[in-house]
N, C-alpha and C. Protein backbone atom coordinates (compact mmCIF):
# COMPACT_ATOMS: atom_id res chain seq x y z
N MET A 1 0.61 -1.63 0.00
CA MET A 1 -0.13 -0.23 0.03
C MET A 1 1.01 1.07 0.25
N SER A 2 0.43 2.31 -0.64
CA SER A 2 1.41 3.44 -1.00
C SER A 2 1.32 4.46 0.12
N PRO A 3 2.29 5.24 0.37
CA PRO A 3 1.43 6.05 1.73
C PRO A 3 1.00 6.78 1.52
N GLY A 4 0.37 7.68 0.31
CA GLY A 4 -0.60 8.49 0.20
C GLY A 4 -1.86 7.48 0.42
N LYS A 5 -1.97 6.16 -0.03
CA LYS A 5 -2.95 5.66 0.39
C LYS A 5 -3.44 5.22 2.11
N LEU A 6 -2.33 4.44 2.60
CA LEU A 6 -2.11 4.76 4.15
C LEU A 6 -2.38 6.00 4.29
N ALA A 7 -2.02 6.98 4.38
CA ALA A 7 -2.11 8.15 4.40
C ALA A 7 -3.82 8.51 4.92
N LEU A 8 -4.35 8.76 3.95
CA LEU A 8 -5.63 8.38 3.33
C LEU A 8 -7.15 7.83 4.35
N LEU A 9 -6.03 6.42 4.60
CA LEU A 9 -7.22 5.41 5.28
C LEU A 9 -7.00 5.89 6.83
N LEU A 10 -5.72 6.56 7.35
CA LEU A 10 -5.62 7.19 8.59
C LEU A 10 -6.83 7.93 8.89
N ILE A 11 -6.68 8.74 7.81
CA ILE A 11 -7.83 10.03 8.38
C ILE A 11 -9.25 9.95 8.30
N VAL A 12 -9.11 8.69 7.18
CA VAL A 12 -10.70 8.29 6.88
C VAL A 12 -11.22 7.51 8.37
N PHE A 13 -9.88 7.15 9.25
CA PHE A 13 -10.47 6.29 10.21
C PHE A 13 -10.53 6.87 11.13
N ALA A 14 -9.57 7.78 11.68
CA ALA A 14 -9.95 9.02 12.40
C ALA A 14 -11.47 10.08 12.46
N ILE A 15 -11.52 10.20 11.43
CA ILE A 15 -12.60 11.09 10.93
C ILE A 15 -13.54 10.41 11.75
N ALA A 16 -13.95 9.07 11.87
CA ALA A 16 -14.70 8.05 11.53
C ALA A 16 -15.07 8.51 13.15
N LEU A 17 -13.95 7.95 13.80
CA LEU A 17 -13.79 7.72 15.40
C LEU A 17 -14.35 8.96 16.09
N SER A 18 -13.82 9.79 15.11
CA SER A 18 -14.50 11.34 15.81
C SER A 18 -15.79 12.21 15.70
N VAL A 19 -16.26 10.93 14.79
CA VAL A 19 -17.68 11.24 15.14
C VAL A 19 -19.09 10.68 15.04
N GLN A 20 -18.54 9.28 15.57
CA GLN A 20 -18.90 8.41 16.43
C GLN A 20 -19.79 8.91 17.83
N PRO A 21 -20.66 8.82 18.70
CA PRO A 21 -21.06 8.92 19.79
C PRO A 21 -20.42 7.98 20.51
N VAL A 22 -20.19 8.37 21.83
CA VAL A 22 -19.40 6.91 22.74
C VAL A 22 -20.22 6.01 23.22
N ILE A 23 -20.40 5.14 22.43
CA ILE A 23 -21.52 4.12 22.68
C ILE A 23 -20.79 2.90 23.24
N VAL A 24 -21.06 2.37 24.32
CA VAL A 24 -20.31 1.13 24.90
C VAL A 24 -20.62 0.02 25.11
N ASN A 25 -22.20 0.01 25.25
CA ASN A 25 -22.70 -1.01 25.21
C ASN A 25 -24.33 -1.03 24.64
N GLY A 26 -25.15 -1.58 23.46
CA GLY A 26 -26.50 -1.18 23.18
C GLY A 26 -26.52 -0.03 22.82
N MET A 27 -27.82 0.40 22.51
CA MET A 27 -28.03 1.75 22.48
C MET A 27 -27.56 2.83 23.01
N CYS A 28 -27.09 2.61 24.29
CA CYS A 28 -26.99 3.70 25.54
C CYS A 28 -25.65 4.47 25.57
N THR A 29 -25.07 5.62 25.94
CA THR A 29 -24.37 5.70 25.94
C THR A 29 -23.64 6.29 27.15
N ASP A 30 -22.71 6.47 27.58
CA ASP A 30 -21.57 6.37 28.64
C ASP A 30 -22.17 8.28 29.22
N LYS A 31 -22.35 9.43 28.63
CA LYS A 31 -23.06 10.43 28.88
C LYS A 31 -24.35 10.16 29.67
N GLU A 32 -25.48 9.61 28.97
CA GLU A 32 -27.04 9.24 29.60
C GLU A 32 -26.53 8.09 30.99
N LYS A 33 -25.53 7.52 31.08
CA LYS A 33 -25.14 7.07 32.57
C LYS A 33 -25.09 7.88 33.12
N LYS A 34 -24.04 8.78 33.16
CA LYS A 34 -24.04 9.38 34.21
C LYS A 34 -24.27 10.27 34.41
N ASP A 35 -25.84 10.94 33.16
CA ASP A 35 -26.85 12.04 33.48
C ASP A 35 -27.33 11.51 34.64
N ILE A 36 -27.85 10.07 34.44
CA ILE A 36 -28.79 9.21 35.49
C ILE A 36 -28.49 9.10 36.52
N LEU A 37 -26.92 8.73 36.59
CA LEU A 37 -26.38 8.44 37.83
C LEU A 37 -26.24 10.08 38.98
N GLN A 38 -26.16 11.25 38.10
CA GLN A 38 -25.85 13.04 38.70
C GLN A 38 -27.51 13.04 39.15
N HIS A 39 -28.59 12.97 38.08
CA HIS A 39 -29.40 13.70 38.15
C HIS A 39 -30.92 12.60 39.11
N CYS A 40 -30.53 11.20 39.43
CA CYS A 40 -31.03 10.64 40.19
C CYS A 40 -30.67 9.57 41.28
N GLU A 41 -29.37 10.33 42.09
CA GLU A 41 -28.65 9.68 42.89
C GLU A 41 -29.02 9.58 44.46
N ASP A 42 -29.75 10.38 44.91
CA ASP A 42 -30.94 9.70 45.84
C ASP A 42 -31.59 8.55 45.91
N TYR A 43 -32.38 8.46 44.23
CA TYR A 43 -33.22 7.65 44.48
C TYR A 43 -32.43 6.26 44.11
N LEU A 44 -31.24 6.25 43.36
CA LEU A 44 -30.30 5.01 42.79
C LEU A 44 -29.68 4.76 43.98
N LYS A 45 -28.98 5.84 44.96
CA LYS A 45 -28.65 4.83 46.09
C LYS A 45 -29.64 4.73 47.55
N HIS A 46 -30.59 5.20 47.93
CA HIS A 46 -31.38 5.61 48.93
C HIS A 46 -32.80 4.82 48.59
N GLY A 47 -33.06 5.10 46.94
CA GLY A 47 -34.55 4.12 47.11
C GLY A 47 -35.93 5.50 47.48
N ALA A 48 -35.09 6.46 47.62
CA ALA A 48 -36.20 7.88 47.93
C ALA A 48 -35.40 9.06 47.96
N PRO A 49 -36.05 10.19 47.52
CA PRO A 49 -37.39 9.89 47.05
C PRO A 49 -37.64 9.48 46.02
N ILE A 50 -39.08 9.03 45.36
CA ILE A 50 -39.44 8.65 43.92
C ILE A 50 -39.22 9.60 42.98
N PRO A 51 -38.48 9.68 41.97
CA PRO A 51 -38.12 10.56 41.47
C PRO A 51 -39.45 11.26 40.48
N SER A 52 -39.66 12.52 40.32
CA SER A 52 -41.19 13.38 39.79
C SER A 52 -41.17 12.98 38.34
N LEU A 53 -41.65 12.51 37.95
CA LEU A 53 -42.05 12.24 36.45
C LEU A 53 -41.83 13.36 35.39
N HIS A 54 -42.09 14.78 35.83
CA HIS A 54 -41.10 15.58 35.52
C HIS A 54 -39.75 16.87 35.88
N GLY A 55 -39.42 15.50 36.61
CA GLY A 55 -37.84 16.39 37.49
C GLY A 55 -37.14 15.78 36.08
N PRO A 56 -35.58 16.35 36.91
CA PRO A 56 -34.31 16.35 35.85
C PRO A 56 -34.10 14.39 36.07
N CYS A 57 -34.17 13.88 37.15
CA CYS A 57 -34.10 12.28 36.84
C CYS A 57 -34.74 11.59 35.61
N CYS A 58 -36.36 11.83 35.65
CA CYS A 58 -36.84 11.15 34.37
C CYS A 58 -36.81 11.84 33.74
N ALA A 59 -36.04 12.92 33.08
CA ALA A 59 -35.88 13.72 32.25
C ALA A 59 -34.19 13.37 31.36
N ALA A 60 -33.37 12.54 32.21
CA ALA A 60 -32.42 11.75 32.23
C ALA A 60 -32.84 10.89 31.58
N ALA A 61 -33.67 10.12 32.34
CA ALA A 61 -34.21 8.48 32.10
C ALA A 61 -34.66 8.26 30.50
N LEU A 62 -35.52 9.54 30.13
CA LEU A 62 -36.16 9.71 29.03
C LEU A 62 -35.34 9.76 27.82
N GLU A 63 -33.83 10.16 28.05
CA GLU A 63 -32.80 10.45 26.98
C GLU A 63 -32.62 8.91 26.19
N VAL A 64 -32.93 7.98 27.56
CA VAL A 64 -32.26 6.65 27.03
C VAL A 64 -33.08 6.04 25.99
N PRO A 65 -32.70 5.77 24.98
CA PRO A 65 -33.57 4.97 23.52
C PRO A 65 -33.99 3.96 24.35
N VAL A 66 -35.64 3.50 24.35
CA VAL A 66 -37.05 3.17 24.46
C VAL A 66 -36.29 2.42 26.37
N LEU A 67 -36.11 3.73 26.79
CA LEU A 67 -35.96 3.50 28.42
C LEU A 67 -34.90 2.34 28.49
N ASP A 68 -34.36 1.90 27.98
CA ASP A 68 -33.15 0.53 27.64
C ASP A 68 -32.64 0.77 29.26
N MET A 69 -33.19 0.26 30.50
CA MET A 69 -32.31 0.59 31.91
C MET A 69 -31.40 -0.05 32.05
N GLN A 70 -31.45 -1.39 31.32
CA GLN A 70 -30.70 -3.15 31.79
C GLN A 70 -29.50 -2.25 30.51
N CYS A 71 -29.55 -1.42 29.32
CA CYS A 71 -28.24 -0.88 29.02
C CYS A 71 -27.37 0.02 30.02
N ILE A 72 -28.20 0.62 30.51
CA ILE A 72 -27.39 1.61 31.54
C ILE A 72 -26.39 0.98 32.49
N VAL A 73 -27.24 -0.16 32.98
CA VAL A 73 -26.83 -1.44 34.09
C VAL A 73 -25.26 -1.75 33.66
N ASP A 74 -25.21 -2.30 32.24
CA ASP A 74 -24.57 -3.06 31.87
C ASP A 74 -23.56 -1.65 31.60
N LEU A 75 -23.06 -0.66 31.21
CA LEU A 75 -22.44 -0.26 31.63
C LEU A 75 -21.82 0.44 32.71
N LEU A 76 -22.32 0.10 33.84
CA LEU A 76 -21.82 0.27 35.65
C LEU A 76 -20.44 -0.08 35.76
N THR A 77 -19.60 0.90 36.11
CA THR A 77 -18.20 0.08 36.43
C THR A 77 -18.51 -0.35 37.68
N ALA A 78 -17.44 -1.55 38.15
CA ALA A 78 -17.47 -2.37 39.89
C ALA A 78 -17.73 -1.06 40.86
N LYS A 79 -17.25 0.13 40.91
CA LYS A 79 -17.46 0.59 41.70
C LYS A 79 -19.04 1.52 41.62
N GLU A 80 -19.16 1.68 40.84
CA GLU A 80 -20.54 1.83 40.89
C GLU A 80 -21.93 0.97 40.79
N LYS A 81 -21.73 -0.12 40.67
CA LYS A 81 -22.17 -1.35 41.01
C LYS A 81 -22.57 -1.36 42.99
N SER A 82 -21.47 -1.07 43.29
CA SER A 82 -21.67 -0.88 44.58
C SER A 82 -22.20 0.18 45.36
N GLU A 83 -22.40 1.15 44.44
CA GLU A 83 -22.71 2.64 45.33
C GLU A 83 -24.32 3.00 45.02
N TYR A 84 -24.58 2.15 43.67
CA TYR A 84 -26.02 2.31 43.16
C TYR A 84 -26.49 0.58 43.28
N LYS A 85 -27.99 1.03 43.25
CA LYS A 85 -29.29 0.21 43.59
C LYS A 85 -29.24 -0.17 42.54
N GLU A 86 -29.01 -1.31 41.29
CA GLU A 86 -29.21 -1.79 39.92
C GLU A 86 -30.50 -1.91 39.80
N ALA A 87 -31.61 -2.27 40.75
CA ALA A 87 -32.94 -3.11 40.73
C ALA A 87 -33.91 -1.17 40.73
N ASN A 88 -33.09 -0.26 41.28
CA ASN A 88 -33.78 1.38 41.50
C ASN A 88 -33.59 1.47 40.01
N ILE A 89 -32.04 1.45 39.23
CA ILE A 89 -32.70 2.25 37.52
C ILE A 89 -33.00 1.20 36.87
N LEU A 90 -33.08 -0.14 37.24
CA LEU A 90 -34.06 -0.60 36.21
C LEU A 90 -35.59 -0.12 36.08
N GLN A 91 -36.25 0.37 37.58
CA GLN A 91 -37.19 0.45 37.95
C GLN A 91 -37.40 1.91 37.11
N LEU A 92 -36.39 2.71 37.13
CA LEU A 92 -36.66 4.19 36.39
C LEU A 92 -37.62 4.11 35.11
N LYS A 93 -37.77 2.66 34.49
CA LYS A 93 -38.46 2.30 33.09
C LYS A 93 -40.21 2.46 33.28
N HIS A 94 -40.35 2.32 34.57
CA HIS A 94 -41.58 1.92 34.98
C HIS A 94 -41.88 3.64 35.64
N LEU A 95 -41.25 4.37 36.02
CA LEU A 95 -41.32 5.20 37.29
C LEU A 95 -41.34 6.30 36.31
N CYS A 96 -40.77 6.49 35.38
CA CYS A 96 -40.55 7.90 34.46
C CYS A 96 -41.03 7.51 33.26
N TYR A 97 -41.98 6.31 32.96
CA TYR A 97 -42.64 7.04 31.19
C TYR A 97 -43.92 7.26 31.53
N PRO A 98 -43.83 8.23 30.96
CA PRO A 98 -44.76 9.57 30.95
C PRO A 98 -45.98 9.08 30.75
N LEU A 99 -47.28 9.50 31.33
CA LEU A 99 -48.80 9.18 31.46
C LEU A 99 -49.46 10.17 30.57
N SER A 100 -49.01 9.47 29.56
CA SER A 100 -49.72 10.21 28.26
C SER A 100 -49.88 9.69 27.23
N SER A 101 -51.18 9.72 26.38
CA SER A 101 -50.83 8.87 25.55
C SER A 101 -49.89 9.08 23.63
N GLU A 102 -49.04 10.20 23.98
CA GLU A 102 -47.96 10.27 23.06
C GLU A 102 -46.66 9.84 24.03
N PRO A 103 -45.78 9.42 23.12
CA PRO A 103 -44.86 9.33 23.49
C PRO A 103 -43.78 9.83 22.98
N PRO A 104 -42.75 9.56 23.84
CA PRO A 104 -41.69 10.73 23.57
C PRO A 104 -41.01 10.51 22.23
N THR A 105 -40.78 11.27 21.93
CA THR A 105 -40.07 11.33 20.19
C THR A 105 -38.99 10.27 19.61
N ASN A 106 -38.33 9.98 20.98
CA ASN A 106 -37.25 8.77 21.36
C ASN A 106 -37.75 7.36 21.73
N GLN A 107 -38.89 7.24 22.24
CA GLN A 107 -39.09 6.06 22.54
C GLN A 107 -40.47 5.21 21.55
N VAL A 108 -40.40 4.01 22.00
CA VAL A 108 -41.43 3.24 20.70
C VAL A 108 -42.09 2.91 22.28
N MET A 109 -43.79 3.13 21.45
CA MET A 109 -44.96 2.13 22.71
C MET A 109 -45.10 0.95 21.83
N HIS A 110 -45.71 0.14 22.78
CA HIS A 110 -46.13 -1.75 22.40
C HIS A 110 -46.91 -1.57 23.01
N GLY A 111 -48.03 -2.51 22.46
CA GLY A 111 -49.36 -2.74 22.88
C GLY A 111 -50.54 -1.76 22.61
N LEU A 112 -50.50 -0.86 22.00
CA LEU A 112 -51.58 0.17 21.63
C LEU A 112 -52.62 -0.35 21.15
N LYS A 113 -52.05 -1.25 19.76
CA LYS A 113 -53.18 -1.64 18.62
C LYS A 113 -54.45 -2.98 19.78
N GLY A 114 -55.29 -2.23 19.81
CA GLY A 114 -56.65 -3.33 20.26
C GLY A 114 -56.51 -3.06 21.93
N SER A 115 -55.80 -1.90 22.74
CA SER A 115 -55.63 -1.82 24.14
C SER A 115 -56.55 -0.95 24.19
N GLY A 116 -57.37 -0.19 23.18
CA GLY A 116 -58.65 0.70 23.86
C GLY A 116 -57.74 1.89 24.05
N ALA A 117 -56.41 2.12 23.88
CA ALA A 117 -55.83 3.39 23.72
C ALA A 117 -56.66 4.90 22.91
N MET A 118 -57.03 5.66 23.61
CA MET A 118 -57.20 6.64 22.16
C MET A 118 -55.68 6.93 21.37
N HIS A 119 -56.01 7.44 19.84
CA HIS A 119 -55.14 7.90 18.89
C HIS A 119 -55.62 9.26 18.77
N HIS A 120 -54.46 10.11 18.67
CA HIS A 120 -54.77 11.41 18.02
C HIS A 120 -54.74 11.58 16.56
């Protein structure tokens, strides 16, 4: 391979790496994990207070594609696993799902067909 082609390949590779979000596992990112740990700290460590549906904790949880909290758990370091209750992270999916007929733009609704839910 010529030096010119090698240089071009390295440049393309470097650009590809810089454009990609930091995805460690599945569809969630380390940034989303950090936001959840920061904004949900009391609930994740102590189980109280329950996060408000419209508060910063649920806002952070709703940023995770399809509220995949297992993906967030999978990103935890050993130290974080000792500090935060994994079950509480998983529970965020149920605590923070919006109580409306309109799903968040990055979420997927399941089971609406034939469930009696009203469609707009």
